[in-house]
Amino acid sequence: MNRIFLTGNLTKEPELKYTATGKAVCTFSIAVNRLFGKETDFFTVVAWNNLAENLCKYQGKGSKVLVEGELQNRNYETSTGDKRQITEVIASKIEFLSKKNAMDQNVQTFENIQDGDLPF
């Protein structure tokens, strides 16, 4: 079984891109504090389609998120011919645990809205 759950903060603004076929993709990094000690681990996360668009729309640098997904290894070659391997988390679900920034204090994201909270 390949499943991972991480809770951490975005280390920078997520950047939304689109593939040649029009699929949305967002690659971002989260900082995760270890349970014991004062160390922090950094993980690269990839989100696709609506998950990518919603993350970029509603979350920003410093936002706390819970990421559920799977680990994936990927090999590539640099422009100088060096072979590299990278491990990424491919997100299947992202829960927003904080607002995008202080300017959004009065705005609820779609993750936090309950049926009784709708203004209409």
PDB file of N, CA and C in Angstrom:
ATOM      1  N   MET A   1       0.850  -1.181   0.000  1.00  0.00           N
ATOM      2  CA  MET A   1       0.000   0.000   0.000  1.00  0.00           C
ATOM      3  C   MET A   1       0.887   1.232   0.000  1.00  0.00           C
ATOM      4  N   ASN A   2       0.577   2.193  -0.825  1.00  0.00           N
ATOM      5  CA  ASN A   2       1.333   3.432  -0.948  1.00  0.00           C
ATOM      6  C   ASN A   2       0.402   4.587  -0.605  1.00  0.00           C
ATOM      7  N   ARG A   3       0.412   5.043   0.656  1.00  0.00           N
ATOM      8  CA  ARG A   3      -0.461   6.114   1.121  1.00  0.00           C
ATOM      9  C   ARG A   3       0.312   6.970   2.092  1.00  0.00           C
ATOM     10  N   ILE A   4       0.151   8.299   1.973  1.00  0.00           N
ATOM     11  CA  ILE A   4       0.848   9.218   2.876  1.00  0.00           C
ATOM     12  C   ILE A   4      -0.105  10.339   3.273  1.00  0.00           C
ATOM     13  N   PHE A   5       0.004  10.782   4.523  1.00  0.00           N
ATOM     14  CA  PHE A   5      -0.761  11.904   5.052  1.00  0.00           C
ATOM     15  C   PHE A   5       0.249  12.878   5.652  1.00  0.00           C
ATOM     16  N   LEU A   6       0.203  14.133   5.241  1.00  0.00           N
ATOM     17  CA  LEU A   6       1.120  15.152   5.744  1.00  0.00           C
ATOM     18  C   LEU A   6       0.342  16.402   6.127  1.00  0.00           C
ATOM     19  N   THR A   7       0.671  16.979   7.268  1.00  0.00           N
ATOM     20  CA  THR A   7       0.109  18.268   7.664  1.00  0.00           C
ATOM     21  C   THR A   7       1.268  19.233   7.779  1.00  0.00           C
ATOM     22  N   GLY A   8       1.170  20.335   7.041  1.00  0.00           N
ATOM     23  CA  GLY A   8       2.257  21.317   7.068  1.00  0.00           C
ATOM     24  C   GLY A   8       1.844  22.624   6.444  1.00  0.00           C
ATOM     25  N   ASN A   9       2.808  23.523   6.306  1.00  0.00           N
ATOM     26  CA  ASN A   9       2.569  24.852   5.761  1.00  0.00           C
ATOM     27  C   ASN A   9       3.234  25.003   4.405  1.00  0.00           C
ATOM     28  N   LEU A  10       2.533  25.678   3.476  1.00  0.00           N
ATOM     29  CA  LEU A  10       3.106  25.959   2.168  1.00  0.00           C
ATOM     30  C   LEU A  10       4.323  26.868   2.345  1.00  0.00           C
ATOM     31  N   THR A  11       5.424  26.538   1.689  1.00  0.00           N
ATOM     32  CA  THR A  11       6.658  27.307   1.857  1.00  0.00           C
ATOM     33  C   THR A  11       6.739  28.512   0.929  1.00  0.00           C
ATOM     34  N   LYS A  12       5.897  28.548  -0.113  1.00  0.00           N
ATOM     35  CA  LYS A  12       5.831  29.693  -1.024  1.00  0.00           C
ATOM     36  C   LYS A  12       4.491  29.655  -1.728  1.00  0.00           C
ATOM     37  N   GLU A  13       4.205  30.694  -2.507  1.00  0.00           N
ATOM     38  CA  GLU A  13       2.946  30.747  -3.249  1.00  0.00           C
ATOM     39  C   GLU A  13       2.894  29.600  -4.254  1.00  0.00           C
ATOM     40  N   PRO A  14       1.797  28.839  -4.279  1.00  0.00           N
ATOM     41  CA  PRO A  14       1.689  27.767  -5.278  1.00  0.00           C
ATOM     42  C   PRO A  14       1.541  28.369  -6.672  1.00  0.00           C
ATOM     43  N   GLU A  15       2.092  27.696  -7.664  1.00  0.00           N
ATOM     44  CA  GLU A  15       2.049  28.197  -9.036  1.00  0.00           C
ATOM     45  C   GLU A  15       1.250  27.234  -9.899  1.00  0.00           C
ATOM     46  N   LEU A  16       0.245  27.767 -10.556  1.00  0.00           N
ATOM     47  CA  LEU A  16      -0.635  26.966 -11.404  1.00  0.00           C
ATOM     48  C   LEU A  16      -0.141  27.014 -12.839  1.00  0.00           C
ATOM     49  N   LYS A  17      -0.031  25.839 -13.454  1.00  0.00           N
ATOM     50  CA  LYS A  17       0.351  25.724 -14.865  1.00  0.00           C
ATOM     51  C   LYS A  17      -0.634  24.787 -15.541  1.00  0.00           C
ATOM     52  N   TYR A  18      -0.602  24.797 -16.869  1.00  0.00           N
ATOM     53  CA  TYR A  18      -1.470  23.905 -17.641  1.00  0.00           C
ATOM     54  C   TYR A  18      -0.621  23.112 -18.626  1.00  0.00           C
ATOM     55  N   THR A  19      -0.962  21.840 -18.785  1.00  0.00           N
ATOM     56  CA  THR A  19      -0.267  20.999 -19.754  1.00  0.00           C
ATOM     57  C   THR A  19      -0.719  21.376 -21.155  1.00  0.00           C
ATOM     58  N   ALA A  20      -0.081  20.801 -22.157  1.00  0.00           N
ATOM     59  CA  ALA A  20      -0.447  21.067 -23.557  1.00  0.00           C
ATOM     60  C   ALA A  20      -1.880  20.621 -23.846  1.00  0.00           C
ATOM     61  N   THR A  21      -2.368  19.653 -23.078  1.00  0.00           N
ATOM     62  CA  THR A  21      -3.741  19.176 -23.280  1.00  0.00           C
ATOM     63  C   THR A  21      -4.758  19.916 -22.416  1.00  0.00           C
ATOM     64  N   GLY A  22      -4.300  20.930 -21.658  1.00  0.00           N
ATOM     65  CA  GLY A  22      -5.210  21.761 -20.872  1.00  0.00           C
ATOM     66  C   GLY A  22      -5.455  21.304 -19.444  1.00  0.00           C
ATOM     67  N   LYS A  23      -4.723  20.311 -18.956  1.00  0.00           N
ATOM     68  CA  LYS A  23      -4.893  19.863 -17.572  1.00  0.00           C
ATOM     69  C   LYS A  23      -4.142  20.795 -16.629  1.00  0.00           C
ATOM     70  N   ALA A  24      -4.800  21.170 -15.542  1.00  0.00           N
ATOM     71  CA  ALA A  24      -4.184  22.028 -14.534  1.00  0.00           C
ATOM     72  C   ALA A  24      -3.245  21.198 -13.667  1.00  0.00           C
ATOM     73  N   VAL A  25      -2.072  21.773 -13.356  1.00  0.00           N
ATOM     74  CA  VAL A  25      -1.107  21.115 -12.473  1.00  0.00           C
ATOM     75  C   VAL A  25      -0.467  22.178 -11.580  1.00  0.00           C
ATOM     76  N   CYS A  26      -0.340  21.844 -10.311  1.00  0.00           N
ATOM     77  CA  CYS A  26       0.267  22.748  -9.343  1.00  0.00           C
ATOM     78  C   CYS A  26       1.299  21.966  -8.551  1.00  0.00           C
ATOM     79  N   THR A  27       2.540  22.431  -8.571  1.00  0.00           N
ATOM     80  CA  THR A  27       3.602  21.834  -7.768  1.00  0.00           C
ATOM     81  C   THR A  27       3.948  22.822  -6.663  1.00  0.00           C
ATOM     82  N   PHE A  28       3.982  22.317  -5.437  1.00  0.00           N
ATOM     83  CA  PHE A  28       4.279  23.189  -4.305  1.00  0.00           C
ATOM     84  C   PHE A  28       5.036  22.397  -3.250  1.00  0.00           C
ATOM     85  N   SER A  29       5.548  23.107  -2.278  1.00  0.00           N
ATOM     86  CA  SER A  29       6.314  22.475  -1.211  1.00  0.00           C
ATOM     87  C   SER A  29       5.649  22.789   0.122  1.00  0.00           C
ATOM     88  N   ILE A  30       5.655  21.791   1.026  1.00  0.00           N
ATOM     89  CA  ILE A  30       5.156  22.038   2.377  1.00  0.00           C
ATOM     90  C   ILE A  30       6.237  21.683   3.392  1.00  0.00           C
ATOM     91  N   ALA A  31       6.244  22.449   4.467  1.00  0.00           N
ATOM     92  CA  ALA A  31       7.157  22.207   5.580  1.00  0.00           C
ATOM     93  C   ALA A  31       6.382  21.469   6.657  1.00  0.00           C
ATOM     94  N   VAL A  32       6.911  20.332   7.095  1.00  0.00           N
ATOM     95  CA  VAL A  32       6.248  19.492   8.089  1.00  0.00           C
ATOM     96  C   VAL A  32       7.163  19.347   9.294  1.00  0.00           C
ATOM     97  N   ASN A  33       6.680  19.772  10.454  1.00  0.00           N
ATOM     98  CA  ASN A  33       7.453  19.641  11.687  1.00  0.00           C
ATOM     99  C   ASN A  33       7.419  18.195  12.161  1.00  0.00           C
ATOM    100  N   ARG A  34       8.548  17.704  12.604  1.00  0.00           N
ATOM    101  CA  ARG A  34       8.605  16.349  13.154  1.00  0.00           C
ATOM    102  C   ARG A  34       7.933  16.318  14.518  1.00  0.00           C
ATOM    103  N   LEU A  35       7.404  15.162  14.860  1.00  0.00           N
ATOM    104  CA  LEU A  35       6.680  14.998  16.113  1.00  0.00           C
ATOM    105  C   LEU A  35       7.580  15.241  17.319  1.00  0.00           C
ATOM    106  N   PHE A  36       8.786  14.702  17.265  1.00  0.00           N
ATOM    107  CA  PHE A  36       9.735  14.891  18.359  1.00  0.00           C
ATOM    108  C   PHE A  36      10.946  15.646  17.827  1.00  0.00           C
ATOM    109  N   GLY A  37      11.440  16.583  18.598  1.00  0.00           N
ATOM    110  CA  GLY A  37      12.590  17.365  18.152  1.00  0.00           C
ATOM    111  C   GLY A  37      12.157  18.639  17.475  1.00  0.00           C
ATOM    112  N   LYS A  38      13.126  19.379  17.032  1.00  0.00           N
ATOM    113  CA  LYS A  38      12.846  20.673  16.423  1.00  0.00           C
ATOM    114  C   LYS A  38      13.198  20.697  14.955  1.00  0.00           C
ATOM    115  N   GLU A  39      13.163  19.538  14.323  1.00  0.00           N
ATOM    116  CA  GLU A  39      13.510  19.449  12.908  1.00  0.00           C
ATOM    117  C   GLU A  39      12.269  19.564  12.029  1.00  0.00           C
ATOM    118  N   THR A  40      12.488  20.033  10.804  1.00  0.00           N
ATOM    119  CA  THR A  40      11.417  20.189   9.830  1.00  0.00           C
ATOM    120  C   THR A  40      11.801  19.469   8.553  1.00  0.00           C
ATOM    121  N   ASP A  41      10.857  18.774   7.965  1.00  0.00           N
ATOM    122  CA  ASP A  41      11.064  18.121   6.675  1.00  0.00           C
ATOM    123  C   ASP A  41      10.282  18.877   5.616  1.00  0.00           C
ATOM    124  N   PHE A  42      10.813  18.892   4.393  1.00  0.00           N
ATOM    125  CA  PHE A  42      10.174  19.581   3.279  1.00  0.00           C
ATOM    126  C   PHE A  42       9.806  18.558   2.215  1.00  0.00           C
ATOM    127  N   PHE A  43       8.557  18.618   1.745  1.00  0.00           N
ATOM    128  CA  PHE A  43       8.055  17.678   0.758  1.00  0.00           C
ATOM    129  C   PHE A  43       7.527  18.422  -0.456  1.00  0.00           C
ATOM    130  N   THR A  44       7.834  17.900  -1.645  1.00  0.00           N
ATOM    131  CA  THR A  44       7.281  18.432  -2.883  1.00  0.00           C
ATOM    132  C   THR A  44       5.981  17.699  -3.161  1.00  0.00           C
ATOM    133  N   VAL A  45       4.921  18.468  -3.446  1.00  0.00           N
ATOM    134  CA  VAL A  45       3.598  17.911  -3.688  1.00  0.00           C
ATOM    135  C   VAL A  45       3.128  18.350  -5.068  1.00  0.00           C
ATOM    136  N   VAL A  46       2.470  17.431  -5.779  1.00  0.00           N
ATOM    137  CA  VAL A  46       1.898  17.732  -7.090  1.00  0.00           C
ATOM    138  C   VAL A  46       0.397  17.494  -7.014  1.00  0.00           C
ATOM    139  N   ALA A  47      -0.380  18.492  -7.410  1.00  0.00           N
ATOM    140  CA  ALA A  47      -1.841  18.383  -7.462  1.00  0.00           C
ATOM    141  C   ALA A  47      -2.284  18.600  -8.908  1.00  0.00           C
ATOM    142  N   TRP A  48      -3.343  17.909  -9.304  1.00  0.00           N
ATOM    143  CA  TRP A  48      -3.838  17.973 -10.682  1.00  0.00           C
ATOM    144  C   TRP A  48      -5.283  18.456 -10.740  1.00  0.00           C
ATOM    145  N   ASN A  49      -5.672  18.971 -11.883  1.00  0.00           N
ATOM    146  CA  ASN A  49      -7.047  19.330 -12.244  1.00  0.00           C
ATOM    147  C   ASN A  49      -7.681  20.298 -11.247  1.00  0.00           C
ATOM    148  N   ASN A  50      -8.913  20.020 -10.794  1.00  0.00           N
ATOM    149  CA  ASN A  50      -9.623  20.934  -9.883  1.00  0.00           C
ATOM    150  C   ASN A  50      -8.895  21.099  -8.559  1.00  0.00           C
ATOM    151  N   LEU A  51      -8.261  20.048  -8.102  1.00  0.00           N
ATOM    152  CA  LEU A  51      -7.503  20.117  -6.850  1.00  0.00           C
ATOM    153  C   LEU A  51      -6.404  21.174  -6.971  1.00  0.00           C
ATOM    154  N   ALA A  52      -5.717  21.203  -8.100  1.00  0.00           N
ATOM    155  CA  ALA A  52      -4.657  22.183  -8.347  1.00  0.00           C
ATOM    156  C   ALA A  52      -5.235  23.600  -8.419  1.00  0.00           C
ATOM    157  N   GLU A  53      -6.323  23.771  -9.151  1.00  0.00           N
ATOM    158  CA  GLU A  53      -6.920  25.099  -9.311  1.00  0.00           C
ATOM    159  C   GLU A  53      -7.444  25.649  -7.991  1.00  0.00           C
ATOM    160  N   ASN A  54      -8.106  24.799  -7.196  1.00  0.00           N
ATOM    161  CA  ASN A  54      -8.643  25.250  -5.910  1.00  0.00           C
ATOM    162  C   ASN A  54      -7.539  25.587  -4.918  1.00  0.00           C
ATOM    163  N   LEU A  55      -6.479  24.803  -4.904  1.00  0.00           N
ATOM    164  CA  LEU A  55      -5.371  25.100  -4.003  1.00  0.00           C
ATOM    165  C   LEU A  55      -4.789  26.479  -4.326  1.00  0.00           C
ATOM    166  N   CYS A  56      -4.534  26.728  -5.602  1.00  0.00           N
ATOM    167  CA  CYS A  56      -3.936  28.006  -6.000  1.00  0.00           C
ATOM    168  C   CYS A  56      -4.884  29.178  -5.756  1.00  0.00           C
ATOM    169  N   LYS A  57      -6.171  28.932  -5.849  1.00  0.00           N
ATOM    170  CA  LYS A  57      -7.163  29.992  -5.654  1.00  0.00           C
ATOM    171  C   LYS A  57      -7.348  30.345  -4.184  1.00  0.00           C
ATOM    172  N   TYR A  58      -7.346  29.329  -3.314  1.00  0.00           N
ATOM    173  CA  TYR A  58      -7.726  29.549  -1.926  1.00  0.00           C
ATOM    174  C   TYR A  58      -6.581  29.499  -0.917  1.00  0.00           C
ATOM    175  N   GLN A  59      -5.380  29.091  -1.311  1.00  0.00           N
ATOM    176  CA  GLN A  59      -4.281  28.963  -0.360  1.00  0.00           C
ATOM    177  C   GLN A  59      -3.041  29.688  -0.862  1.00  0.00           C
ATOM    178  N   GLY A  60      -2.188  30.114   0.055  1.00  0.00           N
ATOM    179  CA  GLY A  60      -0.962  30.817  -0.300  1.00  0.00           C
ATOM    180  C   GLY A  60       0.149  30.486   0.674  1.00  0.00           C
ATOM    181  N   LYS A  61       1.264  31.158   0.501  1.00  0.00           N
ATOM    182  CA  LYS A  61       2.435  30.934   1.346  1.00  0.00           C
ATOM    183  C   LYS A  61       2.044  31.007   2.822  1.00  0.00           C
ATOM    184  N   GLY A  62       2.479  30.007   3.589  1.00  0.00           N
ATOM    185  CA  GLY A  62       2.191  29.962   5.014  1.00  0.00           C
ATOM    186  C   GLY A  62       0.903  29.259   5.373  1.00  0.00           C
ATOM    187  N   SER A  63       0.021  29.006   4.406  1.00  0.00           N
ATOM    188  CA  SER A  63      -1.242  28.325   4.688  1.00  0.00           C
ATOM    189  C   SER A  63      -0.983  26.904   5.168  1.00  0.00           C
ATOM    190  N   LYS A  64      -1.769  26.481   6.147  1.00  0.00           N
ATOM    191  CA  LYS A  64      -1.650  25.113   6.669  1.00  0.00           C
ATOM    192  C   LYS A  64      -2.612  24.220   5.907  1.00  0.00           C
ATOM    193  N   VAL A  65      -2.086  23.077   5.435  1.00  0.00           N
ATOM    194  CA  VAL A  65      -2.891  22.120   4.689  1.00  0.00           C
ATOM    195  C   VAL A  65      -2.616  20.705   5.176  1.00  0.00           C
ATOM    196  N   LEU A  66      -3.588  19.830   4.944  1.00  0.00           N
ATOM    197  CA  LEU A  66      -3.410  18.401   5.153  1.00  0.00           C
ATOM    198  C   LEU A  66      -3.455  17.776   3.765  1.00  0.00           C
ATOM    199  N   VAL A  67      -2.397  17.085   3.391  1.00  0.00           N
ATOM    200  CA  VAL A  67      -2.297  16.458   2.074  1.00  0.00           C
ATOM    201  C   VAL A  67      -2.400  14.954   2.228  1.00  0.00           C
ATOM    202  N   GLU A  68      -3.281  14.349   1.447  1.00  0.00           N
ATOM    203  CA  GLU A  68      -3.376  12.893   1.367  1.00  0.00           C
ATOM    204  C   GLU A  68      -2.997  12.503  -0.055  1.00  0.00           C
ATOM    205  N   GLY A  69      -2.150  11.498  -0.180  1.00  0.00           N
ATOM    206  CA  GLY A  69      -1.737  11.087  -1.515  1.00  0.00           C
ATOM    207  C   GLY A  69      -0.841   9.874  -1.481  1.00  0.00           C
ATOM    208  N   GLU A  70      -0.033   9.748  -2.531  1.00  0.00           N
ATOM    209  CA  GLU A  70       0.904   8.632  -2.607  1.00  0.00           C
ATOM    210  C   GLU A  70       2.265   9.143  -3.037  1.00  0.00           C
ATOM    211  N   LEU A  71       3.301   8.408  -2.645  1.00  0.00           N
ATOM    212  CA  LEU A  71       4.664   8.758  -3.034  1.00  0.00           C
ATOM    213  C   LEU A  71       4.954   8.220  -4.427  1.00  0.00           C
ATOM    214  N   GLN A  72       5.691   9.013  -5.187  1.00  0.00           N
ATOM    215  CA  GLN A  72       6.074   8.599  -6.538  1.00  0.00           C
ATOM    216  C   GLN A  72       7.513   9.006  -6.798  1.00  0.00           C
ATOM    217  N   ASN A  73       8.327   8.089  -7.301  1.00  0.00           N
ATOM    218  CA  ASN A  73       9.700   8.391  -7.710  1.00  0.00           C
ATOM    219  C   ASN A  73       9.700   8.700  -9.201  1.00  0.00           C
ATOM    220  N   ARG A  74      10.515   9.686  -9.580  1.00  0.00           N
ATOM    221  CA  ARG A  74      10.609  10.081 -10.981  1.00  0.00           C
ATOM    222  C   ARG A  74      12.078  10.303 -11.313  1.00  0.00           C
ATOM    223  N   ASN A  75      12.511   9.793 -12.459  1.00  0.00           N
ATOM    224  CA  ASN A  75      13.885   9.980 -12.931  1.00  0.00           C
ATOM    225  C   ASN A  75      13.904  11.000 -14.060  1.00  0.00           C
ATOM    226  N   TYR A  76      14.970  11.794 -14.096  1.00  0.00           N
ATOM    227  CA  TYR A  76      15.142  12.737 -15.193  1.00  0.00           C
ATOM    228  C   TYR A  76      16.627  12.999 -15.411  1.00  0.00           C
ATOM    229  N   GLU A  77      16.937  13.647 -16.508  1.00  0.00           N
ATOM    230  CA  GLU A  77      18.319  13.962 -16.855  1.00  0.00           C
ATOM    231  C   GLU A  77      18.461  15.478 -16.978  1.00  0.00           C
ATOM    232  N   THR A  78      19.502  16.029 -16.359  1.00  0.00           N
ATOM    233  CA  THR A  78      19.736  17.467 -16.420  1.00  0.00           C
ATOM    234  C   THR A  78      20.285  17.857 -17.791  1.00  0.00           C
ATOM    235  N   SER A  79      20.374  19.149 -18.023  1.00  0.00           N
ATOM    236  CA  SER A  79      20.903  19.635 -19.303  1.00  0.00           C
ATOM    237  C   SER A  79      22.378  19.270 -19.491  1.00  0.00           C
ATOM    238  N   THR A  80      23.071  18.974 -18.380  1.00  0.00           N
ATOM    239  CA  THR A  80      24.482  18.572 -18.464  1.00  0.00           C
ATOM    240  C   THR A  80      24.640  17.052 -18.559  1.00  0.00           C
ATOM    241  N   GLY A  81      23.514  16.324 -18.592  1.00  0.00           N
ATOM    242  CA  GLY A  81      23.569  14.873 -18.742  1.00  0.00           C
ATOM    243  C   GLY A  81      23.589  14.091 -17.446  1.00  0.00           C
ATOM    244  N   ASP A  82      23.532  14.785 -16.312  1.00  0.00           N
ATOM    245  CA  ASP A  82      23.501  14.097 -15.019  1.00  0.00           C
ATOM    246  C   ASP A  82      22.124  13.483 -14.788  1.00  0.00           C
ATOM    247  N   LYS A  83      22.114  12.261 -14.282  1.00  0.00           N
ATOM    248  CA  LYS A  83      20.850  11.591 -13.979  1.00  0.00           C
ATOM    249  C   LYS A  83      20.441  11.927 -12.549  1.00  0.00           C
ATOM    250  N   ARG A  84      19.163  12.236 -12.373  1.00  0.00           N
ATOM    251  CA  ARG A  84      18.620  12.599 -11.066  1.00  0.00           C
ATOM    252  C   ARG A  84      17.344  11.795 -10.793  1.00  0.00           C
ATOM    253  N   GLN A  85      17.043  11.664  -9.499  1.00  0.00           N
ATOM    254  CA  GLN A  85      15.797  11.029  -9.078  1.00  0.00           C
ATOM    255  C   GLN A  85      15.131  11.945  -8.066  1.00  0.00           C
ATOM    256  N   ILE A  86      13.836  12.089  -8.175  1.00  0.00           N
ATOM    257  CA  ILE A  86      13.085  12.926  -7.251  1.00  0.00           C
ATOM    258  C   ILE A  86      11.905  12.119  -6.726  1.00  0.00           C
ATOM    259  N   THR A  87      11.579  12.316  -5.455  1.00  0.00           N
ATOM    260  CA  THR A  87      10.405  11.703  -4.849  1.00  0.00           C
ATOM    261  C   THR A  87       9.390  12.805  -4.581  1.00  0.00           C
ATOM    262  N   GLU A  88       8.160  12.605  -5.050  1.00  0.00           N
ATOM    263  CA  GLU A  88       7.095  13.594  -4.900  1.00  0.00           C
ATOM    264  C   GLU A  88       5.875  12.934  -4.281  1.00  0.00           C
ATOM    265  N   VAL A  89       5.048  13.766  -3.659  1.00  0.00           N
ATOM    266  CA  VAL A  89       3.746  13.317  -3.177  1.00  0.00           C
ATOM    267  C   VAL A  89       2.728  13.720  -4.234  1.00  0.00           C
ATOM    268  N   ILE A  90       1.996  12.744  -4.777  1.00  0.00           N
ATOM    269  CA  ILE A  90       0.930  13.024  -5.730  1.00  0.00           C
ATOM    270  C   ILE A  90      -0.357  13.103  -4.922  1.00  0.00           C
ATOM    271  N   ALA A  91      -0.905  14.318  -4.805  1.00  0.00           N
ATOM    272  CA  ALA A  91      -2.056  14.550  -3.928  1.00  0.00           C
ATOM    273  C   ALA A  91      -3.342  13.998  -4.526  1.00  0.00           C
ATOM    274  N   SER A  92      -4.116  13.320  -3.684  1.00  0.00           N
ATOM    275  CA  SER A  92      -5.456  12.884  -4.080  1.00  0.00           C
ATOM    276  C   SER A  92      -6.516  13.701  -3.347  1.00  0.00           C
ATOM    277  N   LYS A  93      -6.109  14.325  -2.223  1.00  0.00           N
ATOM    278  CA  LYS A  93      -7.018  15.158  -1.442  1.00  0.00           C
ATOM    279  C   LYS A  93      -6.186  16.184  -0.682  1.00  0.00           C
ATOM    280  N   ILE A  94      -6.688  17.410  -0.616  1.00  0.00           N
ATOM    281  CA  ILE A  94      -6.032  18.455   0.174  1.00  0.00           C
ATOM    282  C   ILE A  94      -7.101  19.154   1.000  1.00  0.00           C
ATOM    283  N   GLU A  95      -6.919  19.171   2.311  1.00  0.00           N
ATOM    284  CA  GLU A  95      -7.830  19.891   3.196  1.00  0.00           C
ATOM    285  C   GLU A  95      -7.169  21.198   3.596  1.00  0.00           C
ATOM    286  N   PHE A  96      -7.933  22.285   3.531  1.00  0.00           N
ATOM    287  CA  PHE A  96      -7.430  23.597   3.895  1.00  0.00           C
ATOM    288  C   PHE A  96      -7.648  23.796   5.392  1.00  0.00           C
ATOM    289  N   LEU A  97      -6.569  23.982   6.126  1.00  0.00           N
ATOM    290  CA  LEU A  97      -6.642  24.137   7.565  1.00  0.00           C
ATOM    291  C   LEU A  97      -6.512  25.585   8.012  1.00  0.00           C
ATOM    292  N   SER A  98      -6.253  26.503   7.062  1.00  0.00           N
ATOM    293  CA  SER A  98      -6.186  27.929   7.380  1.00  0.00           C
ATOM    294  C   SER A  98      -6.592  28.735   6.162  1.00  0.00           C
ATOM    295  N   LYS A  99      -6.819  30.006   6.374  1.00  0.00           N
ATOM    296  CA  LYS A  99      -7.186  30.917   5.300  1.00  0.00           C
ATOM    297  C   LYS A  99      -5.946  31.296   4.502  1.00  0.00           C
ATOM    298  N   LYS A 100      -6.149  31.856   3.286  1.00  0.00           N
ATOM    299  CA  LYS A 100      -5.028  32.216   2.422  1.00  0.00           C
ATOM    300  C   LYS A 100      -4.140  33.269   3.062  1.00  0.00           C
ATOM    301  N   ASN A 101      -4.735  34.341   3.590  1.00  0.00           N
ATOM    302  CA  ASN A 101      -3.955  35.373   4.276  1.00  0.00           C
ATOM    303  C   ASN A 101      -4.886  36.205   5.151  1.00  0.00           C
ATOM    304  N   ALA A 102      -4.354  37.157   5.858  1.00  0.00           N
ATOM    305  CA  ALA A 102      -5.141  37.961   6.790  1.00  0.00           C
ATOM    306  C   ALA A 102      -6.240  38.742   6.097  1.00  0.00           C
ATOM    307  N   MET A 103      -6.069  39.085   4.824  1.00  0.00           N
ATOM    308  CA  MET A 103      -7.085  39.831   4.082  1.00  0.00           C
ATOM    309  C   MET A 103      -8.341  38.986   3.880  1.00  0.00           C
ATOM    310  N   ASP A 104      -8.223  37.682   3.972  1.00  0.00           N
ATOM    311  CA  ASP A 104      -9.343  36.777   3.737  1.00  0.00           C
ATOM    312  C   ASP A 104     -10.011  36.327   5.033  1.00  0.00           C
ATOM    313  N   GLN A 105      -9.836  37.039   6.130  1.00  0.00           N
ATOM    314  CA  GLN A 105     -10.357  36.600   7.422  1.00  0.00           C
ATOM    315  C   GLN A 105     -11.870  36.409   7.410  1.00  0.00           C
ATOM    316  N   ASN A 106     -12.592  37.189   6.607  1.00  0.00           N
ATOM    317  CA  ASN A 106     -14.052  37.093   6.592  1.00  0.00           C
ATOM    318  C   ASN A 106     -14.579  36.190   5.497  1.00  0.00           C
ATOM    319  N   VAL A 107     -13.697  35.531   4.759  1.00  0.00           N
ATOM    320  CA  VAL A 107     -14.105  34.671   3.659  1.00  0.00           C
ATOM    321  C   VAL A 107     -13.913  33.216   4.070  1.00  0.00           C
ATOM    322  N   GLN A 108     -14.944  32.389   3.838  1.00  0.00           N
ATOM    323  CA  GLN A 108     -14.823  30.973   4.123  1.00  0.00           C
ATOM    324  C   GLN A 108     -14.528  30.241   2.824  1.00  0.00           C
ATOM    325  N   THR A 109     -13.605  29.316   2.862  1.00  0.00           N
ATOM    326  CA  THR A 109     -13.329  28.516   1.678  1.00  0.00           C
ATOM    327  C   THR A 109     -14.372  27.430   1.555  1.00  0.00           C
ATOM    328  N   PHE A 110     -14.466  26.831   0.388  1.00  0.00           N
ATOM    329  CA  PHE A 110     -15.468  25.798   0.161  1.00  0.00           C
ATOM    330  C   PHE A 110     -15.272  24.604   1.082  1.00  0.00           C
ATOM    331  N   GLU A 111     -14.075  24.391   1.604  1.00  0.00           N
ATOM    332  CA  GLU A 111     -13.822  23.271   2.502  1.00  0.00           C
ATOM    333  C   GLU A 111     -14.498  23.482   3.867  1.00  0.00           C
ATOM    334  N   ASN A 112     -14.718  24.753   4.245  1.00  0.00           N
ATOM    335  CA  ASN A 112     -15.217  25.052   5.582  1.00  0.00           C
ATOM    336  C   ASN A 112     -16.693  25.404   5.619  1.00  0.00           C
ATOM    337  N   ILE A 113     -17.349  25.509   4.502  1.00  0.00           N
ATOM    338  CA  ILE A 113     -18.751  25.919   4.455  1.00  0.00           C
ATOM    339  C   ILE A 113     -19.646  24.720   4.747  1.00  0.00           C
ATOM    340  N   GLN A 114     -20.543  24.890   5.688  1.00  0.00           N
ATOM    341  CA  GLN A 114     -21.552  23.888   6.015  1.00  0.00           C
ATOM    342  C   GLN A 114     -22.857  24.303   5.358  1.00  0.00           C
ATOM    343  N   ASP A 115     -23.802  23.369   5.172  1.00  0.00           N
ATOM    344  CA  ASP A 115     -25.068  23.674   4.506  1.00  0.00           C
ATOM    345  C   ASP A 115     -25.791  24.841   5.161  1.00  0.00           C
ATOM    346  N   GLY A 116     -25.784  24.924   6.475  1.00  0.00           N
ATOM    347  CA  GLY A 116     -26.486  25.986   7.184  1.00  0.00           C
ATOM    348  C   GLY A 116     -25.782  27.323   7.139  1.00  0.00           C
ATOM    349  N   ASP A 117     -24.551  27.368   6.630  1.00  0.00           N
ATOM    350  CA  ASP A 117     -23.770  28.602   6.603  1.00  0.00           C
ATOM    351  C   ASP A 117     -23.963  29.420   5.342  1.00  0.00           C
ATOM    352  N   LEU A 118     -24.661  28.887   4.357  1.00  0.00           N
ATOM    353  CA  LEU A 118     -24.799  29.595   3.087  1.00  0.00           C
ATOM    354  C   LEU A 118     -25.630  30.856   3.270  1.00  0.00           C
ATOM    355  N   PRO A 119     -25.188  32.002   2.720  1.00  0.00           N
ATOM    356  CA  PRO A 119     -25.888  33.275   2.917  1.00  0.00           C
ATOM    357  C   PRO A 119     -27.142  33.433   2.069  1.00  0.00           C
ATOM    358  N   PHE A 120     -27.510  32.446   1.267  1.00  0.00           N
ATOM    359  CA  PHE A 120     -28.693  32.569   0.414  1.00  0.00           C
ATOM    360  C   PHE A 120     -29.580  31.352   0.516  1.00  0.00           C
TER     361      PHE A 120
END
